[in-house]
Structure formats: C-alpha cells, structure tokens
Amino acid sequence: MIVSDWKEVPEFSGEKEEAAFWEEAQLDVRLMENSVMASPTSKDSVTITLRMDPRMLSKIKWIARTRFLNYQSMIKQWLSERMEEENKK
C-alpha cells in the first residue's frame, strides 16, 4: 500500500499496531517531499553536525532505502512529525 495522503494514516493505539501498518505501507515520495517543503522554515536551511551511533545510522539508511527515500529527508520528516506531536501537548 502506498500512502499518498496523510489522511490515509490511521490513529494508532500502540506501537505494535503502528509497526504492523508500516510493514505493509510506504509513503509516497512526493508526500514526503511536499511535507518537508511545506515547512515554514524550508526557505532557510542551516547545516548541522549530528554525531550518531554508526549502527543506528545504518538502520535509518536501511529504512529509508526500503521506502525509496533519502535518509536525511526522512530524518527531517521524523523530526517535523515529533515537533508537531510536542506542540499538541
């Protein structure tokens, strides 16, 4: 299943349910790109250095490849989603 609209992603009751969903689903690359580009700060970009465990980075790159995404874009998307969650609290 290709998720081409965020409305297609259900609310999950737990991590197991979310993991099961994402085992079968993939984000449409255009959805990911549009979400990153729609950010109000997307015009201003700052380069940062982030130290990370090599095994964690390898796992992130693997996940990104399975979703046909650039791993850096995927990390930015994850951070953006997490910020939205935190802002809702």
PDB file of N, CA and C in Angstrom:
ATOM      1  N   MET A   1       0.850  -1.181   0.000  1.00  0.00           N
ATOM      2  CA  MET A   1       0.000   0.000   0.000  1.00  0.00           C
ATOM      3  C   MET A   1       0.892   1.240   0.000  1.00  0.00           C
ATOM      4  N   ILE A   2       0.604   2.162  -0.888  1.00  0.00           N
ATOM      5  CA  ILE A   2       1.323   3.429  -0.961  1.00  0.00           C
ATOM      6  C   ILE A   2       0.445   4.506  -0.331  1.00  0.00           C
ATOM      7  N   VAL A   3       0.958   5.177   0.680  1.00  0.00           N
ATOM      8  CA  VAL A   3       0.232   6.249   1.357  1.00  0.00           C
ATOM      9  C   VAL A   3       0.534   7.543   0.608  1.00  0.00           C
ATOM     10  N   SER A   4      -0.491   8.093  -0.039  1.00  0.00           N
ATOM     11  CA  SER A   4      -0.290   9.310  -0.829  1.00  0.00           C
ATOM     12  C   SER A   4      -0.949  10.529  -0.188  1.00  0.00           C
ATOM     13  N   ASP A   5      -1.592  10.338   0.969  1.00  0.00           N
ATOM     14  CA  ASP A   5      -2.224  11.436   1.692  1.00  0.00           C
ATOM     15  C   ASP A   5      -2.131  11.113   3.179  1.00  0.00           C
ATOM     16  N   TRP A   6      -1.781  12.099   3.994  1.00  0.00           N
ATOM     17  CA  TRP A   6      -1.628  11.854   5.434  1.00  0.00           C
ATOM     18  C   TRP A   6      -2.925  11.361   6.067  1.00  0.00           C
ATOM     19  N   LYS A   7      -4.069  11.655   5.455  1.00  0.00           N
ATOM     20  CA  LYS A   7      -5.356  11.200   5.988  1.00  0.00           C
ATOM     21  C   LYS A   7      -5.496   9.688   5.909  1.00  0.00           C
ATOM     22  N   GLU A   8      -4.677   9.050   5.088  1.00  0.00           N
ATOM     23  CA  GLU A   8      -4.714   7.596   4.951  1.00  0.00           C
ATOM     24  C   GLU A   8      -4.010   6.889   6.115  1.00  0.00           C
ATOM     25  N   VAL A   9      -3.265   7.640   6.916  1.00  0.00           N
ATOM     26  CA  VAL A   9      -2.561   7.054   8.061  1.00  0.00           C
ATOM     27  C   VAL A   9      -3.503   7.121   9.261  1.00  0.00           C
ATOM     28  N   PRO A  10      -3.878   5.970   9.811  1.00  0.00           N
ATOM     29  CA  PRO A  10      -4.830   5.970  10.924  1.00  0.00           C
ATOM     30  C   PRO A  10      -4.179   6.379  12.243  1.00  0.00           C
ATOM     31  N   GLU A  11      -5.009   6.653  13.235  1.00  0.00           N
ATOM     32  CA  GLU A  11      -4.521   6.861  14.602  1.00  0.00           C
ATOM     33  C   GLU A  11      -4.221   5.471  15.160  1.00  0.00           C
ATOM     34  N   PHE A  12      -3.074   5.310  15.778  1.00  0.00           N
ATOM     35  CA  PHE A  12      -2.671   4.008  16.289  1.00  0.00           C
ATOM     36  C   PHE A  12      -2.880   3.949  17.798  1.00  0.00           C
ATOM     37  N   SER A  13      -3.289   2.770  18.265  1.00  0.00           N
ATOM     38  CA  SER A  13      -3.488   2.601  19.705  1.00  0.00           C
ATOM     39  C   SER A  13      -2.192   2.195  20.401  1.00  0.00           C
ATOM     40  N   GLY A  14      -1.206   1.782  19.621  1.00  0.00           N
ATOM     41  CA  GLY A  14       0.061   1.390  20.223  1.00  0.00           C
ATOM     42  C   GLY A  14       1.122   1.161  19.167  1.00  0.00           C
ATOM     43  N   GLU A  15       2.341   0.897  19.642  1.00  0.00           N
ATOM     44  CA  GLU A  15       3.463   0.714  18.724  1.00  0.00           C
ATOM     45  C   GLU A  15       3.301  -0.528  17.854  1.00  0.00           C
ATOM     46  N   LYS A  16       2.734  -1.598  18.403  1.00  0.00           N
ATOM     47  CA  LYS A  16       2.569  -2.831  17.619  1.00  0.00           C
ATOM     48  C   LYS A  16       1.636  -2.593  16.437  1.00  0.00           C
ATOM     49  N   GLU A  17       0.559  -1.883  16.693  1.00  0.00           N
ATOM     50  CA  GLU A  17      -0.396  -1.574  15.621  1.00  0.00           C
ATOM     51  C   GLU A  17       0.264  -0.697  14.557  1.00  0.00           C
ATOM     52  N   GLU A  18       1.042   0.288  14.995  1.00  0.00           N
ATOM     53  CA  GLU A  18       1.734   1.165  14.049  1.00  0.00           C
ATOM     54  C   GLU A  18       2.776   0.387  13.247  1.00  0.00           C
ATOM     55  N   ALA A  19       3.521  -0.482  13.923  1.00  0.00           N
ATOM     56  CA  ALA A  19       4.539  -1.289  13.229  1.00  0.00           C
ATOM     57  C   ALA A  19       3.889  -2.188  12.183  1.00  0.00           C
ATOM     58  N   ALA A  20       2.759  -2.790  12.529  1.00  0.00           N
ATOM     59  CA  ALA A  20       2.055  -3.655  11.583  1.00  0.00           C
ATOM     60  C   ALA A  20       1.594  -2.864  10.361  1.00  0.00           C
ATOM     61  N   PHE A  21       1.106  -1.649  10.592  1.00  0.00           N
ATOM     62  CA  PHE A  21       0.660  -0.806   9.485  1.00  0.00           C
ATOM     63  C   PHE A  21       1.820  -0.490   8.548  1.00  0.00           C
ATOM     64  N   TRP A  22       2.968  -0.070   9.127  1.00  0.00           N
ATOM     65  CA  TRP A  22       4.091   0.357   8.301  1.00  0.00           C
ATOM     66  C   TRP A  22       4.827  -0.809   7.652  1.00  0.00           C
ATOM     67  N   GLU A  23       4.597  -2.028   8.130  1.00  0.00           N
ATOM     68  CA  GLU A  23       5.159  -3.192   7.437  1.00  0.00           C
ATOM     69  C   GLU A  23       4.502  -3.373   6.077  1.00  0.00           C
ATOM     70  N   GLU A  24       3.259  -2.947   5.966  1.00  0.00           N
ATOM     71  CA  GLU A  24       2.501  -3.094   4.722  1.00  0.00           C
ATOM     72  C   GLU A  24       2.444  -1.801   3.907  1.00  0.00           C
ATOM     73  N   ALA A  25       2.722  -0.666   4.539  1.00  0.00           N
ATOM     74  CA  ALA A  25       2.538   0.630   3.869  1.00  0.00           C
ATOM     75  C   ALA A  25       3.869   1.317   3.605  1.00  0.00           C
ATOM     76  N   GLN A  26       3.858   2.157   2.574  1.00  0.00           N
ATOM     77  CA  GLN A  26       5.010   3.001   2.242  1.00  0.00           C
ATOM     78  C   GLN A  26       4.500   4.402   1.960  1.00  0.00           C
ATOM     79  N   LEU A  27       5.306   5.403   2.321  1.00  0.00           N
ATOM     80  CA  LEU A  27       4.947   6.773   1.990  1.00  0.00           C
ATOM     81  C   LEU A  27       5.296   7.059   0.543  1.00  0.00           C
ATOM     82  N   ASP A  28       4.386   7.713  -0.140  1.00  0.00           N
ATOM     83  CA  ASP A  28       4.667   8.204  -1.487  1.00  0.00           C
ATOM     84  C   ASP A  28       5.779   9.246  -1.363  1.00  0.00           C
ATOM     85  N   VAL A  29       6.788   9.143  -2.187  1.00  0.00           N
ATOM     86  CA  VAL A  29       7.936  10.054  -2.129  1.00  0.00           C
ATOM     87  C   VAL A  29       7.473  11.502  -2.238  1.00  0.00           C
ATOM     88  N   ARG A  30       6.496  11.761  -3.081  1.00  0.00           N
ATOM     89  CA  ARG A  30       6.007  13.136  -3.259  1.00  0.00           C
ATOM     90  C   ARG A  30       5.385  13.679  -1.979  1.00  0.00           C
ATOM     91  N   LEU A  31       4.729  12.808  -1.207  1.00  0.00           N
ATOM     92  CA  LEU A  31       4.131  13.241   0.052  1.00  0.00           C
ATOM     93  C   LEU A  31       5.223  13.674   1.021  1.00  0.00           C
ATOM     94  N   MET A  32       6.276  12.883   1.100  1.00  0.00           N
ATOM     95  CA  MET A  32       7.396  13.220   1.978  1.00  0.00           C
ATOM     96  C   MET A  32       8.040  14.533   1.533  1.00  0.00           C
ATOM     97  N   GLU A  33       8.304  14.677   0.250  1.00  0.00           N
ATOM     98  CA  GLU A  33       8.943  15.891  -0.263  1.00  0.00           C
ATOM     99  C   GLU A  33       8.058  17.107  -0.038  1.00  0.00           C
ATOM    100  N   ASN A  34       6.754  16.972  -0.283  1.00  0.00           N
ATOM    101  CA  ASN A  34       5.836  18.091  -0.096  1.00  0.00           C
ATOM    102  C   ASN A  34       5.748  18.494   1.366  1.00  0.00           C
ATOM    103  N   SER A  35       5.791  17.526   2.260  1.00  0.00           N
ATOM    104  CA  SER A  35       5.710  17.832   3.686  1.00  0.00           C
ATOM    105  C   SER A  35       6.937  18.590   4.149  1.00  0.00           C
ATOM    106  N   VAL A  36       8.090  18.172   3.688  1.00  0.00           N
ATOM    107  CA  VAL A  36       9.325  18.860   4.065  1.00  0.00           C
ATOM    108  C   VAL A  36       9.347  20.249   3.460  1.00  0.00           C
ATOM    109  N   MET A  37       8.926  20.363   2.202  1.00  0.00           N
ATOM    110  CA  MET A  37       8.947  21.652   1.514  1.00  0.00           C
ATOM    111  C   MET A  37       7.893  22.614   2.055  1.00  0.00           C
ATOM    112  N   ALA A  38       6.803  22.087   2.620  1.00  0.00           N
ATOM    113  CA  ALA A  38       5.726  22.940   3.113  1.00  0.00           C
ATOM    114  C   ALA A  38       6.075  23.604   4.442  1.00  0.00           C
ATOM    115  N   SER A  39       7.120  23.165   5.063  1.00  0.00           N
ATOM    116  CA  SER A  39       7.527  23.723   6.346  1.00  0.00           C
ATOM    117  C   SER A  39       7.843  25.204   6.188  1.00  0.00           C
ATOM    118  N   PRO A  40       7.408  26.025   7.147  1.00  0.00           N
ATOM    119  CA  PRO A  40       7.649  27.458   7.022  1.00  0.00           C
ATOM    120  C   PRO A  40       9.133  27.819   7.020  1.00  0.00           C
ATOM    121  N   THR A  41       9.978  26.959   7.550  1.00  0.00           N
ATOM    122  CA  THR A  41      11.412  27.258   7.595  1.00  0.00           C
ATOM    123  C   THR A  41      12.157  26.631   6.432  1.00  0.00           C
ATOM    124  N   SER A  42      11.433  26.047   5.478  1.00  0.00           N
ATOM    125  CA  SER A  42      12.108  25.348   4.386  1.00  0.00           C
ATOM    126  C   SER A  42      12.933  26.281   3.507  1.00  0.00           C
ATOM    127  N   LYS A  43      12.636  27.571   3.497  1.00  0.00           N
ATOM    128  CA  LYS A  43      13.402  28.516   2.684  1.00  0.00           C
ATOM    129  C   LYS A  43      14.753  28.813   3.316  1.00  0.00           C
ATOM    130  N   ASP A  44      14.801  28.742   4.639  1.00  0.00           N
ATOM    131  CA  ASP A  44      16.044  28.981   5.361  1.00  0.00           C
ATOM    132  C   ASP A  44      16.550  27.643   5.873  1.00  0.00           C
ATOM    133  N   SER A  45      17.706  27.267   5.410  1.00  0.00           N
ATOM    134  CA  SER A  45      18.263  25.978   5.786  1.00  0.00           C
ATOM    135  C   SER A  45      19.607  26.189   6.461  1.00  0.00           C
ATOM    136  N   VAL A  46      19.810  25.430   7.541  1.00  0.00           N
ATOM    137  CA  VAL A  46      21.054  25.518   8.290  1.00  0.00           C
ATOM    138  C   VAL A  46      21.682  24.132   8.314  1.00  0.00           C
ATOM    139  N   THR A  47      22.956  24.069   8.059  1.00  0.00           N
ATOM    140  CA  THR A  47      23.671  22.799   8.126  1.00  0.00           C
ATOM    141  C   THR A  47      24.113  22.565   9.557  1.00  0.00           C
ATOM    142  N   ILE A  48      23.861  21.347  10.051  1.00  0.00           N
ATOM    143  CA  ILE A  48      24.285  20.989  11.401  1.00  0.00           C
ATOM    144  C   ILE A  48      25.118  19.717  11.338  1.00  0.00           C
ATOM    145  N   THR A  49      25.846  19.467  12.409  1.00  0.00           N
ATOM    146  CA  THR A  49      26.571  18.214  12.552  1.00  0.00           C
ATOM    147  C   THR A  49      25.935  17.456  13.700  1.00  0.00           C
ATOM    148  N   LEU A  50      25.641  16.209  13.460  1.00  0.00           N
ATOM    149  CA  LEU A  50      24.985  15.380  14.459  1.00  0.00           C
ATOM    150  C   LEU A  50      25.763  14.082  14.590  1.00  0.00           C
ATOM    151  N   ARG A  51      26.283  13.820  15.771  1.00  0.00           N
ATOM    152  CA  ARG A  51      27.011  12.572  15.984  1.00  0.00           C
ATOM    153  C   ARG A  51      26.009  11.477  16.305  1.00  0.00           C
ATOM    154  N   MET A  52      26.203  10.315  15.678  1.00  0.00           N
ATOM    155  CA  MET A  52      25.237   9.237  15.809  1.00  0.00           C
ATOM    156  C   MET A  52      25.957   7.899  15.811  1.00  0.00           C
ATOM    157  N   ASP A  53      25.422   6.977  16.554  1.00  0.00           N
ATOM    158  CA  ASP A  53      25.959   5.619  16.565  1.00  0.00           C
ATOM    159  C   ASP A  53      25.900   5.070  15.139  1.00  0.00           C
ATOM    160  N   PRO A  54      27.000   4.517  14.628  1.00  0.00           N
ATOM    161  CA  PRO A  54      27.016   4.021  13.238  1.00  0.00           C
ATOM    162  C   PRO A  54      25.953   2.956  12.968  1.00  0.00           C
ATOM    163  N   ARG A  55      25.653   2.139  13.967  1.00  0.00           N
ATOM    164  CA  ARG A  55      24.619   1.109  13.766  1.00  0.00           C
ATOM    165  C   ARG A  55      23.245   1.732  13.611  1.00  0.00           C
ATOM    166  N   MET A  56      22.995   2.804  14.388  1.00  0.00           N
ATOM    167  CA  MET A  56      21.715   3.498  14.276  1.00  0.00           C
ATOM    168  C   MET A  56      21.594   4.137  12.892  1.00  0.00           C
ATOM    169  N   LEU A  57      22.654   4.777  12.441  1.00  0.00           N
ATOM    170  CA  LEU A  57      22.627   5.408  11.125  1.00  0.00           C
ATOM    171  C   LEU A  57      22.415   4.368  10.020  1.00  0.00           C
ATOM    172  N   SER A  58      23.062   3.234  10.142  1.00  0.00           N
ATOM    173  CA  SER A  58      22.873   2.167   9.146  1.00  0.00           C
ATOM    174  C   SER A  58      21.427   1.717   9.110  1.00  0.00           C
ATOM    175  N   LYS A  59      20.831   1.582  10.279  1.00  0.00           N
ATOM    176  CA  LYS A  59      19.422   1.161  10.351  1.00  0.00           C
ATOM    177  C   LYS A  59      18.509   2.221   9.732  1.00  0.00           C
ATOM    178  N   ILE A  60      18.790   3.485  10.007  1.00  0.00           N
ATOM    179  CA  ILE A  60      17.999   4.580   9.427  1.00  0.00           C
ATOM    180  C   ILE A  60      18.127   4.575   7.911  1.00  0.00           C
ATOM    181  N   LYS A  61      19.335   4.416   7.406  1.00  0.00           N
ATOM    182  CA  LYS A  61      19.541   4.374   5.956  1.00  0.00           C
ATOM    183  C   LYS A  61      18.814   3.189   5.337  1.00  0.00           C
ATOM    184  N   TRP A  62      18.815   2.060   6.023  1.00  0.00           N
ATOM    185  CA  TRP A  62      18.109   0.878   5.519  1.00  0.00           C
ATOM    186  C   TRP A  62      16.614   1.150   5.432  1.00  0.00           C
ATOM    187  N   ILE A  63      16.051   1.732   6.495  1.00  0.00           N
ATOM    188  CA  ILE A  63      14.614   2.060   6.498  1.00  0.00           C
ATOM    189  C   ILE A  63      14.302   3.009   5.340  1.00  0.00           C
ATOM    190  N   ALA A  64      15.133   4.020   5.167  1.00  0.00           N
ATOM    191  CA  ALA A  64      14.906   4.988   4.091  1.00  0.00           C
ATOM    192  C   ALA A  64      14.946   4.307   2.726  1.00  0.00           C
ATOM    193  N   ARG A  65      15.922   3.422   2.523  1.00  0.00           N
ATOM    194  CA  ARG A  65      16.010   2.710   1.229  1.00  0.00           C
ATOM    195  C   ARG A  65      14.773   1.870   0.970  1.00  0.00           C
ATOM    196  N   THR A  66      14.256   1.207   2.011  1.00  0.00           N
ATOM    197  CA  THR A  66      13.065   0.370   1.815  1.00  0.00           C
ATOM    198  C   THR A  66      11.846   1.219   1.445  1.00  0.00           C
ATOM    199  N   ARG A  67      11.882   2.494   1.794  1.00  0.00           N
ATOM    200  CA  ARG A  67      10.779   3.405   1.470  1.00  0.00           C
ATOM    201  C   ARG A  67      11.109   4.288   0.266  1.00  0.00           C
ATOM    202  N   PHE A  68      12.252   4.037  -0.380  1.00  0.00           N
ATOM    203  CA  PHE A  68      12.697   4.806  -1.537  1.00  0.00           C
ATOM    204  C   PHE A  68      12.828   6.290  -1.214  1.00  0.00           C
ATOM    205  N   LEU A  69      13.406   6.576  -0.042  1.00  0.00           N
ATOM    206  CA  LEU A  69      13.577   7.950   0.413  1.00  0.00           C
ATOM    207  C   LEU A  69      15.044   8.259   0.653  1.00  0.00           C
ATOM    208  N   ASN A  70      15.367   9.524   0.632  1.00  0.00           N
ATOM    209  CA  ASN A  70      16.671   9.993   1.059  1.00  0.00           C
ATOM    210  C   ASN A  70      16.668   9.955   2.586  1.00  0.00           C
ATOM    211  N   TYR A  71      17.703   9.378   3.193  1.00  0.00           N
ATOM    212  CA  TYR A  71      17.676   9.206   4.644  1.00  0.00           C
ATOM    213  C   TYR A  71      17.660  10.542   5.391  1.00  0.00           C
ATOM    214  N   GLN A  72      18.319  11.570   4.857  1.00  0.00           N
ATOM    215  CA  GLN A  72      18.308  12.861   5.530  1.00  0.00           C
ATOM    216  C   GLN A  72      16.918  13.496   5.480  1.00  0.00           C
ATOM    217  N   SER A  73      16.234  13.351   4.364  1.00  0.00           N
ATOM    218  CA  SER A  73      14.860  13.867   4.265  1.00  0.00           C
ATOM    219  C   SER A  73      13.943  13.126   5.225  1.00  0.00           C
ATOM    220  N   MET A  74      14.151  11.822   5.346  1.00  0.00           N
ATOM    221  CA  MET A  74      13.323  11.036   6.257  1.00  0.00           C
ATOM    222  C   MET A  74      13.557  11.470   7.700  1.00  0.00           C
ATOM    223  N   ILE A  75      14.812  11.711   8.076  1.00  0.00           N
ATOM    224  CA  ILE A  75      15.115  12.177   9.431  1.00  0.00           C
ATOM    225  C   ILE A  75      14.437  13.523   9.683  1.00  0.00           C
ATOM    226  N   LYS A  76      14.510  14.436   8.702  1.00  0.00           N
ATOM    227  CA  LYS A  76      13.854  15.737   8.861  1.00  0.00           C
ATOM    228  C   LYS A  76      12.351  15.567   9.019  1.00  0.00           C
ATOM    229  N   GLN A  77      11.780  14.640   8.268  1.00  0.00           N
ATOM    230  CA  GLN A  77      10.341  14.400   8.379  1.00  0.00           C
ATOM    231  C   GLN A  77       9.995  13.867   9.764  1.00  0.00           C
ATOM    232  N   TRP A  78      10.784  12.926  10.269  1.00  0.00           N
ATOM    233  CA  TRP A  78      10.548  12.381  11.604  1.00  0.00           C
ATOM    234  C   TRP A  78      10.625  13.484  12.658  1.00  0.00           C
ATOM    235  N   LEU A  79      11.618  14.352  12.535  1.00  0.00           N
ATOM    236  CA  LEU A  79      11.751  15.455  13.490  1.00  0.00           C
ATOM    237  C   LEU A  79      10.558  16.402  13.397  1.00  0.00           C
ATOM    238  N   SER A  80      10.131  16.677  12.181  1.00  0.00           N
ATOM    239  CA  SER A  80       8.979  17.553  11.984  1.00  0.00           C
ATOM    240  C   SER A  80       7.720  16.961  12.614  1.00  0.00           C
ATOM    241  N   GLU A  81       7.500  15.663  12.398  1.00  0.00           N
ATOM    242  CA  GLU A  81       6.329  14.995  12.980  1.00  0.00           C
ATOM    243  C   GLU A  81       6.389  15.014  14.501  1.00  0.00           C
ATOM    244  N   ARG A  82       7.565  14.788  15.046  1.00  0.00           N
ATOM    245  CA  ARG A  82       7.721  14.785  16.501  1.00  0.00           C
ATOM    246  C   ARG A  82       7.467  16.175  17.078  1.00  0.00           C
ATOM    247  N   MET A  83       7.931  17.229  16.388  1.00  0.00           N
ATOM    248  CA  MET A  83       7.679  18.595  16.848  1.00  0.00           C
ATOM    249  C   MET A  83       6.182  18.878  16.859  1.00  0.00           C
ATOM    250  N   GLU A  84       5.472  18.415  15.848  1.00  0.00           N
ATOM    251  CA  GLU A  84       4.026  18.601  15.804  1.00  0.00           C
ATOM    252  C   GLU A  84       3.361  17.918  16.989  1.00  0.00           C
ATOM    253  N   GLU A  85       3.811  16.704  17.310  1.00  0.00           N
ATOM    254  CA  GLU A  85       3.274  15.981  18.479  1.00  0.00           C
ATOM    255  C   GLU A  85       3.523  16.761  19.756  1.00  0.00           C
ATOM    256  N   GLU A  86       4.725  17.264  19.924  1.00  0.00           N
ATOM    257  CA  GLU A  86       5.075  18.011  21.128  1.00  0.00           C
ATOM    258  C   GLU A  86       4.260  19.300  21.227  1.00  0.00           C
ATOM    259  N   ASN A  87       4.002  19.946  20.094  1.00  0.00           N
ATOM    260  CA  ASN A  87       3.224  21.186  20.098  1.00  0.00           C
ATOM    261  C   ASN A  87       1.772  20.948  20.460  1.00  0.00           C
ATOM    262  N   LYS A  88       1.273  19.735  20.244  1.00  0.00           N
ATOM    263  CA  LYS A  88      -0.112  19.419  20.574  1.00  0.00           C
ATOM    264  C   LYS A  88      -0.316  19.239  22.074  1.00  0.00           C
ATOM    265  N   LYS A  89       0.764  18.991  22.800  1.00  0.00           N
ATOM    266  CA  LYS A  89       0.671  18.748  24.261  1.00  0.00           C
ATOM    267  C   LYS A  89       0.423  20.019  25.019  1.00  0.00           C
TER     268      LYS A  89
END
